[in-house]
Amino acid sequence: VAAQLEAIPGAVLRDSRTIEVAGPVPGLFRLFGLF
């Protein structure tokens, strides 16, 4: 899952199973739905 999500612009791997992304919180909440 983390490897696939890394393809989303702005998403980066913190480790092999942890994805990280930054931005305003409401936008993160909506983006998490896509995750």
ModelCIF file with pLDDT and N, C-alpha, C, O atoms, coordinates in Angstrom:
data_MODEL
#
_entry.id   MODEL 
#
_entity.id                         1 
_entity.type                       polymer 
_entity.pdbx_number_of_molecules   1 
#
_entity_poly.entity_id                      1 
_entity_poly.type                           'polypeptide(L)' 
_entity_poly.nstd_linkage                   no 
_entity_poly.nstd_monomer                   no 
_entity_poly.pdbx_seq_one_letter_code       VAAQLEAIPGAVLRDSRTIEVAGPVPGLFRLFGLF 
_entity_poly.pdbx_seq_one_letter_code_can   VAAQLEAIPGAVLRDSRTIEVAGPVPGLFRLFGLF 
_entity_poly.pdbx_strand_id                 A 
#
loop_
_entity_poly_seq.entity_id 
_entity_poly_seq.num 
_entity_poly_seq.mon_id 
_entity_poly_seq.hetero 
1 1  VAL n 
1 2  ALA n 
1 3  ALA n 
1 4  GLN n 
1 5  LEU n 
1 6  GLU n 
1 7  ALA n 
1 8  ILE n 
1 9  PRO n 
1 10 GLY n 
1 11 ALA n 
1 12 VAL n 
1 13 LEU n 
1 14 ARG n 
1 15 ASP n 
1 16 SER n 
1 17 ARG n 
1 18 THR n 
1 19 ILE n 
1 20 GLU n 
1 21 VAL n 
1 22 ALA n 
1 23 GLY n 
1 24 PRO n 
1 25 VAL n 
1 26 PRO n 
1 27 GLY n 
1 28 LEU n 
1 29 PHE n 
1 30 ARG n 
1 31 LEU n 
1 32 PHE n 
1 33 GLY n 
1 34 LEU n 
1 35 PHE n 
#
_struct_asym.id          A 
_struct_asym.entity_id   1 
#
loop_
_ma_qa_metric.id 
_ma_qa_metric.mode 
_ma_qa_metric.name 
_ma_qa_metric.software_group_id 
_ma_qa_metric.type 
1 global pLDDT . pLDDT 
2 local  pLDDT . pLDDT 
#
_ma_qa_metric_global.metric_id      1 
_ma_qa_metric_global.metric_value   97.14 
_ma_qa_metric_global.model_id       1 
_ma_qa_metric_global.ordinal_id     1 
#
loop_
_ma_qa_metric_local.label_asym_id 
_ma_qa_metric_local.label_comp_id 
_ma_qa_metric_local.label_seq_id 
_ma_qa_metric_local.metric_id 
_ma_qa_metric_local.metric_value 
_ma_qa_metric_local.model_id 
_ma_qa_metric_local.ordinal_id 
A VAL 1  2 95.00 1 1  
A ALA 2  2 96.00 1 2  
A ALA 3  2 96.00 1 3  
A GLN 4  2 96.00 1 4  
A LEU 5  2 97.00 1 5  
A GLU 6  2 97.00 1 6  
A ALA 7  2 96.00 1 7  
A ILE 8  2 96.00 1 8  
A PRO 9  2 95.00 1 9  
A GLY 10 2 96.00 1 10 
A ALA 11 2 97.00 1 11 
A VAL 12 2 98.00 1 12 
A LEU 13 2 98.00 1 13 
A ARG 14 2 97.00 1 14 
A ASP 15 2 97.00 1 15 
A SER 16 2 97.00 1 16 
A ARG 17 2 97.00 1 17 
A THR 18 2 98.00 1 18 
A ILE 19 2 98.00 1 19 
A GLU 20 2 98.00 1 20 
A VAL 21 2 98.00 1 21 
A ALA 22 2 98.00 1 22 
A GLY 23 2 98.00 1 23 
A PRO 24 2 98.00 1 24 
A VAL 25 2 98.00 1 25 
A PRO 26 2 98.00 1 26 
A GLY 27 2 98.00 1 27 
A LEU 28 2 98.00 1 28 
A PHE 29 2 98.00 1 29 
A ARG 30 2 98.00 1 30 
A LEU 31 2 98.00 1 31 
A PHE 32 2 98.00 1 32 
A GLY 33 2 97.00 1 33 
A LEU 34 2 96.00 1 34 
A PHE 35 2 96.00 1 35 
#
loop_
_atom_site.group_PDB 
_atom_site.id 
_atom_site.type_symbol 
_atom_site.label_atom_id 
_atom_site.label_alt_id 
_atom_site.label_comp_id 
_atom_site.label_asym_id 
_atom_site.label_entity_id 
_atom_site.label_seq_id 
_atom_site.pdbx_PDB_ins_code 
_atom_site.Cartn_x 
_atom_site.Cartn_y 
_atom_site.Cartn_z 
_atom_site.occupancy 
_atom_site.B_iso_or_equiv 
_atom_site.pdbx_formal_charge 
_atom_site.auth_seq_id 
_atom_site.auth_comp_id 
_atom_site.auth_asym_id 
_atom_site.auth_atom_id 
_atom_site.pdbx_PDB_model_num 
ATOM 1   N N  . VAL A 1 1  ? 0.838  -1.202 0.000  1.00 95.00 ? 1  VAL A N  1 
ATOM 2   C CA . VAL A 1 1  ? 0.000  0.000  0.000  1.00 95.00 ? 1  VAL A CA 1 
ATOM 3   C C  . VAL A 1 1  ? 0.871  1.250  0.000  1.00 95.00 ? 1  VAL A C  1 
ATOM 4   O O  . VAL A 1 1  ? 0.649  2.162  -0.797 1.00 95.00 ? 1  VAL A O  1 
ATOM 5   N N  . ALA A 1 2  ? 1.854  1.296  0.884  1.00 96.00 ? 2  ALA A N  1 
ATOM 6   C CA . ALA A 1 2  ? 2.725  2.467  0.960  1.00 96.00 ? 2  ALA A CA 1 
ATOM 7   C C  . ALA A 1 2  ? 3.461  2.686  -0.351 1.00 96.00 ? 2  ALA A C  1 
ATOM 8   O O  . ALA A 1 2  ? 3.612  3.823  -0.796 1.00 96.00 ? 2  ALA A O  1 
ATOM 9   N N  . ALA A 1 3  ? 3.916  1.612  -0.970 1.00 96.00 ? 3  ALA A N  1 
ATOM 10  C CA . ALA A 1 3  ? 4.649  1.728  -2.222 1.00 96.00 ? 3  ALA A CA 1 
ATOM 11  C C  . ALA A 1 3  ? 3.768  2.315  -3.323 1.00 96.00 ? 3  ALA A C  1 
ATOM 12  O O  . ALA A 1 3  ? 4.238  3.124  -4.123 1.00 96.00 ? 3  ALA A O  1 
ATOM 13  N N  . GLN A 1 4  ? 2.495  1.917  -3.372 1.00 96.00 ? 4  GLN A N  1 
ATOM 14  C CA . GLN A 1 4  ? 1.588  2.445  -4.380 1.00 96.00 ? 4  GLN A CA 1 
ATOM 15  C C  . GLN A 1 4  ? 1.252  3.913  -4.111 1.00 96.00 ? 4  GLN A C  1 
ATOM 16  O O  . GLN A 1 4  ? 1.158  4.712  -5.043 1.00 96.00 ? 4  GLN A O  1 
ATOM 17  N N  . LEU A 1 5  ? 1.072  4.265  -2.838 1.00 97.00 ? 5  LEU A N  1 
ATOM 18  C CA . LEU A 1 5  ? 0.713  5.636  -2.496 1.00 97.00 ? 5  LEU A CA 1 
ATOM 19  C C  . LEU A 1 5  ? 1.848  6.619  -2.768 1.00 97.00 ? 5  LEU A C  1 
ATOM 20  O O  . LEU A 1 5  ? 1.605  7.814  -2.934 1.00 97.00 ? 5  LEU A O  1 
ATOM 21  N N  . GLU A 1 6  ? 3.067  6.132  -2.813 1.00 97.00 ? 6  GLU A N  1 
ATOM 22  C CA . GLU A 1 6  ? 4.205  7.013  -3.073 1.00 97.00 ? 6  GLU A CA 1 
ATOM 23  C C  . GLU A 1 6  ? 4.094  7.666  -4.452 1.00 97.00 ? 6  GLU A C  1 
ATOM 24  O O  . GLU A 1 6  ? 4.735  8.686  -4.707 1.00 97.00 ? 6  GLU A O  1 
ATOM 25  N N  . ALA A 1 7  ? 3.290  7.088  -5.338 1.00 96.00 ? 7  ALA A N  1 
ATOM 26  C CA . ALA A 1 7  ? 3.118  7.662  -6.677 1.00 96.00 ? 7  ALA A CA 1 
ATOM 27  C C  . ALA A 1 7  ? 2.278  8.937  -6.665 1.00 96.00 ? 7  ALA A C  1 
ATOM 28  O O  . ALA A 1 7  ? 2.269  9.683  -7.645 1.00 96.00 ? 7  ALA A O  1 
ATOM 29  N N  . ILE A 1 8  ? 1.568  9.193  -5.555 1.00 96.00 ? 8  ILE A N  1 
ATOM 30  C CA . ILE A 1 8  ? 0.752  10.401 -5.459 1.00 96.00 ? 8  ILE A CA 1 
ATOM 31  C C  . ILE A 1 8  ? 1.672  11.599 -5.241 1.00 96.00 ? 8  ILE A C  1 
ATOM 32  O O  . ILE A 1 8  ? 2.503  11.562 -4.333 1.00 96.00 ? 8  ILE A O  1 
ATOM 33  N N  . PRO A 1 9  ? 1.554  12.644 -6.029 1.00 95.00 ? 9  PRO A N  1 
ATOM 34  C CA . PRO A 1 9  ? 2.440  13.805 -5.865 1.00 95.00 ? 9  PRO A CA 1 
ATOM 35  C C  . PRO A 1 9  ? 2.400  14.345 -4.443 1.00 95.00 ? 9  PRO A C  1 
ATOM 36  O O  . PRO A 1 9  ? 1.330  14.565 -3.876 1.00 95.00 ? 9  PRO A O  1 
ATOM 37  N N  . GLY A 1 10 ? 3.585  14.554 -3.879 1.00 96.00 ? 10 GLY A N  1 
ATOM 38  C CA . GLY A 1 10 ? 3.710  15.075 -2.528 1.00 96.00 ? 10 GLY A CA 1 
ATOM 39  C C  . GLY A 1 10 ? 3.846  14.013 -1.464 1.00 96.00 ? 10 GLY A C  1 
ATOM 40  O O  . GLY A 1 10 ? 4.285  14.313 -0.353 1.00 96.00 ? 10 GLY A O  1 
ATOM 41  N N  . ALA A 1 11 ? 3.481  12.775 -1.768 1.00 97.00 ? 11 ALA A N  1 
ATOM 42  C CA . ALA A 1 11 ? 3.586  11.689 -0.790 1.00 97.00 ? 11 ALA A CA 1 
ATOM 43  C C  . ALA A 1 11 ? 4.983  11.086 -0.844 1.00 97.00 ? 11 ALA A C  1 
ATOM 44  O O  . ALA A 1 11 ? 5.524  10.831 -1.920 1.00 97.00 ? 11 ALA A O  1 
ATOM 45  N N  . VAL A 1 12 ? 5.555  10.862 0.329  1.00 98.00 ? 12 VAL A N  1 
ATOM 46  C CA . VAL A 1 12 ? 6.898  10.282 0.410  1.00 98.00 ? 12 VAL A CA 1 
ATOM 47  C C  . VAL A 1 12 ? 6.897  9.148  1.424  1.00 98.00 ? 12 VAL A C  1 
ATOM 48  O O  . VAL A 1 12 ? 6.063  9.114  2.329  1.00 98.00 ? 12 VAL A O  1 
ATOM 49  N N  . LEU A 1 13 ? 7.819  8.236  1.271  1.00 98.00 ? 13 LEU A N  1 
ATOM 50  C CA . LEU A 1 13 ? 7.958  7.131  2.208  1.00 98.00 ? 13 LEU A CA 1 
ATOM 51  C C  . LEU A 1 13 ? 8.810  7.554  3.395  1.00 98.00 ? 13 LEU A C  1 
ATOM 52  O O  . LEU A 1 13 ? 9.922  8.054  3.219  1.00 98.00 ? 13 LEU A O  1 
ATOM 53  N N  . ARG A 1 14 ? 8.296  7.357  4.592  1.00 97.00 ? 14 ARG A N  1 
ATOM 54  C CA . ARG A 1 14 ? 9.089  7.531  5.806  1.00 97.00 ? 14 ARG A CA 1 
ATOM 55  C C  . ARG A 1 14 ? 9.871  6.256  6.092  1.00 97.00 ? 14 ARG A C  1 
ATOM 56  O O  . ARG A 1 14 ? 11.024 6.311  6.519  1.00 97.00 ? 14 ARG A O  1 
ATOM 57  N N  . ASP A 1 15 ? 9.245  5.114  5.857  1.00 97.00 ? 15 ASP A N  1 
ATOM 58  C CA . ASP A 1 15 ? 9.893  3.801  5.852  1.00 97.00 ? 15 ASP A CA 1 
ATOM 59  C C  . ASP A 1 15 ? 9.066  2.934  4.918  1.00 97.00 ? 15 ASP A C  1 
ATOM 60  O O  . ASP A 1 15 ? 8.170  3.445  4.246  1.00 97.00 ? 15 ASP A O  1 
ATOM 61  N N  . SER A 1 16 ? 9.338  1.646  4.857  1.00 97.00 ? 16 SER A N  1 
ATOM 62  C CA . SER A 1 16 ? 8.712  0.814  3.829  1.00 97.00 ? 16 SER A CA 1 
ATOM 63  C C  . SER A 1 16 ? 7.196  0.707  3.958  1.00 97.00 ? 16 SER A C  1 
ATOM 64  O O  . SER A 1 16 ? 6.521  0.370  2.986  1.00 97.00 ? 16 SER A O  1 
ATOM 65  N N  . ARG A 1 17 ? 6.653  0.985  5.136  1.00 97.00 ? 17 ARG A N  1 
ATOM 66  C CA . ARG A 1 17 ? 5.210  0.860  5.325  1.00 97.00 ? 17 ARG A CA 1 
ATOM 67  C C  . ARG A 1 17 ? 4.536  2.154  5.758  1.00 97.00 ? 17 ARG A C  1 
ATOM 68  O O  . ARG A 1 17 ? 3.334  2.160  6.023  1.00 97.00 ? 17 ARG A O  1 
ATOM 69  N N  . THR A 1 18 ? 5.283  3.246  5.834  1.00 98.00 ? 18 THR A N  1 
ATOM 70  C CA . THR A 1 18 ? 4.727  4.509  6.320  1.00 98.00 ? 18 THR A CA 1 
ATOM 71  C C  . THR A 1 18 ? 4.821  5.577  5.245  1.00 98.00 ? 18 THR A C  1 
ATOM 72  O O  . THR A 1 18 ? 5.904  5.884  4.746  1.00 98.00 ? 18 THR A O  1 
ATOM 73  N N  . ILE A 1 19 ? 3.667  6.140  4.894  1.00 98.00 ? 19 ILE A N  1 
ATOM 74  C CA . ILE A 1 19 ? 3.609  7.202  3.891  1.00 98.00 ? 19 ILE A CA 1 
ATOM 75  C C  . ILE A 1 19 ? 3.385  8.526  4.600  1.00 98.00 ? 19 ILE A C  1 
ATOM 76  O O  . ILE A 1 19 ? 2.687  8.584  5.613  1.00 98.00 ? 19 ILE A O  1 
ATOM 77  N N  . GLU A 1 20 ? 3.971  9.580  4.073  1.00 98.00 ? 20 GLU A N  1 
ATOM 78  C CA . GLU A 1 20 ? 3.906  10.902 4.704  1.00 98.00 ? 20 GLU A CA 1 
ATOM 79  C C  . GLU A 1 20 ? 3.561  11.936 3.651  1.00 98.00 ? 20 GLU A C  1 
ATOM 80  O O  . GLU A 1 20 ? 4.034  11.874 2.516  1.00 98.00 ? 20 GLU A O  1 
ATOM 81  N N  . VAL A 1 21 ? 2.716  12.903 4.052  1.00 98.00 ? 21 VAL A N  1 
ATOM 82  C CA . VAL A 1 21 ? 2.337  13.974 3.135  1.00 98.00 ? 21 VAL A CA 1 
ATOM 83  C C  . VAL A 1 21 ? 2.024  15.218 3.956  1.00 98.00 ? 21 VAL A C  1 
ATOM 84  O O  . VAL A 1 21 ? 1.550  15.113 5.087  1.00 98.00 ? 21 VAL A O  1 
ATOM 85  N N  . ALA A 1 22 ? 2.285  16.390 3.396  1.00 98.00 ? 22 ALA A N  1 
ATOM 86  C CA . ALA A 1 22 ? 2.082  17.643 4.129  1.00 98.00 ? 22 ALA A CA 1 
ATOM 87  C C  . ALA A 1 22 ? 1.112  18.542 3.383  1.00 98.00 ? 22 ALA A C  1 
ATOM 88  O O  . ALA A 1 22 ? 0.990  18.477 2.160  1.00 98.00 ? 22 ALA A O  1 
ATOM 89  N N  . GLY A 1 23 ? 0.414  19.395 4.157  1.00 98.00 ? 23 GLY A N  1 
ATOM 90  C CA . GLY A 1 23 ? -0.510 20.362 3.575  1.00 98.00 ? 23 GLY A CA 1 
ATOM 91  C C  . GLY A 1 23 ? -1.504 20.823 4.613  1.00 98.00 ? 23 GLY A C  1 
ATOM 92  O O  . GLY A 1 23 ? -1.456 20.347 5.747  1.00 98.00 ? 23 GLY A O  1 
ATOM 93  N N  . PRO A 1 24 ? -2.407 21.734 4.274  1.00 98.00 ? 24 PRO A N  1 
ATOM 94  C CA . PRO A 1 24 ? -3.464 22.139 5.199  1.00 98.00 ? 24 PRO A CA 1 
ATOM 95  C C  . PRO A 1 24 ? -4.306 20.933 5.612  1.00 98.00 ? 24 PRO A C  1 
ATOM 96  O O  . PRO A 1 24 ? -4.544 20.033 4.807  1.00 98.00 ? 24 PRO A O  1 
ATOM 97  N N  . VAL A 1 25 ? -4.751 20.919 6.856  1.00 98.00 ? 25 VAL A N  1 
ATOM 98  C CA . VAL A 1 25 ? -5.399 19.725 7.401  1.00 98.00 ? 25 VAL A CA 1 
ATOM 99  C C  . VAL A 1 25 ? -6.660 19.329 6.634  1.00 98.00 ? 25 VAL A C  1 
ATOM 100 O O  . VAL A 1 25 ? -6.814 18.142 6.345  1.00 98.00 ? 25 VAL A O  1 
ATOM 101 N N  . PRO A 1 26 ? -7.576 20.243 6.283  1.00 98.00 ? 26 PRO A N  1 
ATOM 102 C CA . PRO A 1 26 ? -8.750 19.783 5.521  1.00 98.00 ? 26 PRO A CA 1 
ATOM 103 C C  . PRO A 1 26 ? -8.380 19.099 4.213  1.00 98.00 ? 26 PRO A C  1 
ATOM 104 O O  . PRO A 1 26 ? -9.020 18.128 3.810  1.00 98.00 ? 26 PRO A O  1 
ATOM 105 N N  . GLY A 1 27 ? -7.348 19.607 3.552  1.00 98.00 ? 27 GLY A N  1 
ATOM 106 C CA . GLY A 1 27 ? -6.889 18.960 2.329  1.00 98.00 ? 27 GLY A CA 1 
ATOM 107 C C  . GLY A 1 27 ? -6.299 17.589 2.594  1.00 98.00 ? 27 GLY A C  1 
ATOM 108 O O  . GLY A 1 27 ? -6.476 16.669 1.795  1.00 98.00 ? 27 GLY A O  1 
ATOM 109 N N  . LEU A 1 28 ? -5.600 17.445 3.712  1.00 98.00 ? 28 LEU A N  1 
ATOM 110 C CA . LEU A 1 28 ? -5.059 16.134 4.083  1.00 98.00 ? 28 LEU A CA 1 
ATOM 111 C C  . LEU A 1 28 ? -6.175 15.145 4.369  1.00 98.00 ? 28 LEU A C  1 
ATOM 112 O O  . LEU A 1 28 ? -6.075 13.968 4.022  1.00 98.00 ? 28 LEU A O  1 
ATOM 113 N N  . PHE A 1 29 ? -7.250 15.630 5.007  1.00 98.00 ? 29 PHE A N  1 
ATOM 114 C CA . PHE A 1 29 ? -8.373 14.750 5.316  1.00 98.00 ? 29 PHE A CA 1 
ATOM 115 C C  . PHE A 1 29 ? -8.996 14.217 4.025  1.00 98.00 ? 29 PHE A C  1 
ATOM 116 O O  . PHE A 1 29 ? -9.314 13.033 3.920  1.00 98.00 ? 29 PHE A O  1 
ATOM 117 N N  . ARG A 1 30 ? -9.164 15.103 3.052  1.00 98.00 ? 30 ARG A N  1 
ATOM 118 C CA . ARG A 1 30 ? -9.719 14.654 1.768  1.00 98.00 ? 30 ARG A CA 1 
ATOM 119 C C  . ARG A 1 30 ? -8.744 13.727 1.048  1.00 98.00 ? 30 ARG A C  1 
ATOM 120 O O  . ARG A 1 30 ? -9.161 12.712 0.488  1.00 98.00 ? 30 ARG A O  1 
ATOM 121 N N  . LEU A 1 31 ? -7.461 14.057 1.053  1.00 98.00 ? 31 LEU A N  1 
ATOM 122 C CA . LEU A 1 31 ? -6.463 13.212 0.398  1.00 98.00 ? 31 LEU A CA 1 
ATOM 123 C C  . LEU A 1 31 ? -6.399 11.840 1.042  1.00 98.00 ? 31 LEU A C  1 
ATOM 124 O O  . LEU A 1 31 ? -6.204 10.837 0.356  1.00 98.00 ? 31 LEU A O  1 
ATOM 125 N N  . PHE A 1 32 ? -6.564 11.789 2.367  1.00 98.00 ? 32 PHE A N  1 
ATOM 126 C CA . PHE A 1 32 ? -6.552 10.510 3.056  1.00 98.00 ? 32 PHE A CA 1 
ATOM 127 C C  . PHE A 1 32 ? -7.679 9.600  2.559  1.00 98.00 ? 32 PHE A C  1 
ATOM 128 O O  . PHE A 1 32 ? -7.522 8.380  2.509  1.00 98.00 ? 32 PHE A O  1 
ATOM 129 N N  . GLY A 1 33 ? -8.800 10.193 2.198  1.00 97.00 ? 33 GLY A N  1 
ATOM 130 C CA . GLY A 1 33 ? -9.867 9.393  1.601  1.00 97.00 ? 33 GLY A CA 1 
ATOM 131 C C  . GLY A 1 33 ? -9.409 8.699  0.331  1.00 97.00 ? 33 GLY A C  1 
ATOM 132 O O  . GLY A 1 33 ? -9.781 7.554  0.075  1.00 97.00 ? 33 GLY A O  1 
ATOM 133 N N  . LEU A 1 34 ? -8.601 9.390  -0.466 1.00 96.00 ? 34 LEU A N  1 
ATOM 134 C CA . LEU A 1 34 ? -8.020 8.777  -1.668 1.00 96.00 ? 34 LEU A CA 1 
ATOM 135 C C  . LEU A 1 34 ? -7.058 7.663  -1.272 1.00 96.00 ? 34 LEU A C  1 
ATOM 136 O O  . LEU A 1 34 ? -7.050 6.605  -1.901 1.00 96.00 ? 34 LEU A O  1 
ATOM 137 N N  . PHE A 1 35 ? -6.249 7.886  -0.241 1.00 96.00 ? 35 PHE A N  1 
ATOM 138 C CA . PHE A 1 35 ? -5.363 6.829  0.258  1.00 96.00 ? 35 PHE A CA 1 
ATOM 139 C C  . PHE A 1 35 ? -6.157 5.556  0.539  1.00 96.00 ? 35 PHE A C  1 
ATOM 140 O O  . PHE A 1 35 ? -5.585 4.554  0.967  1.00 96.00 ? 35 PHE A O  1 
#
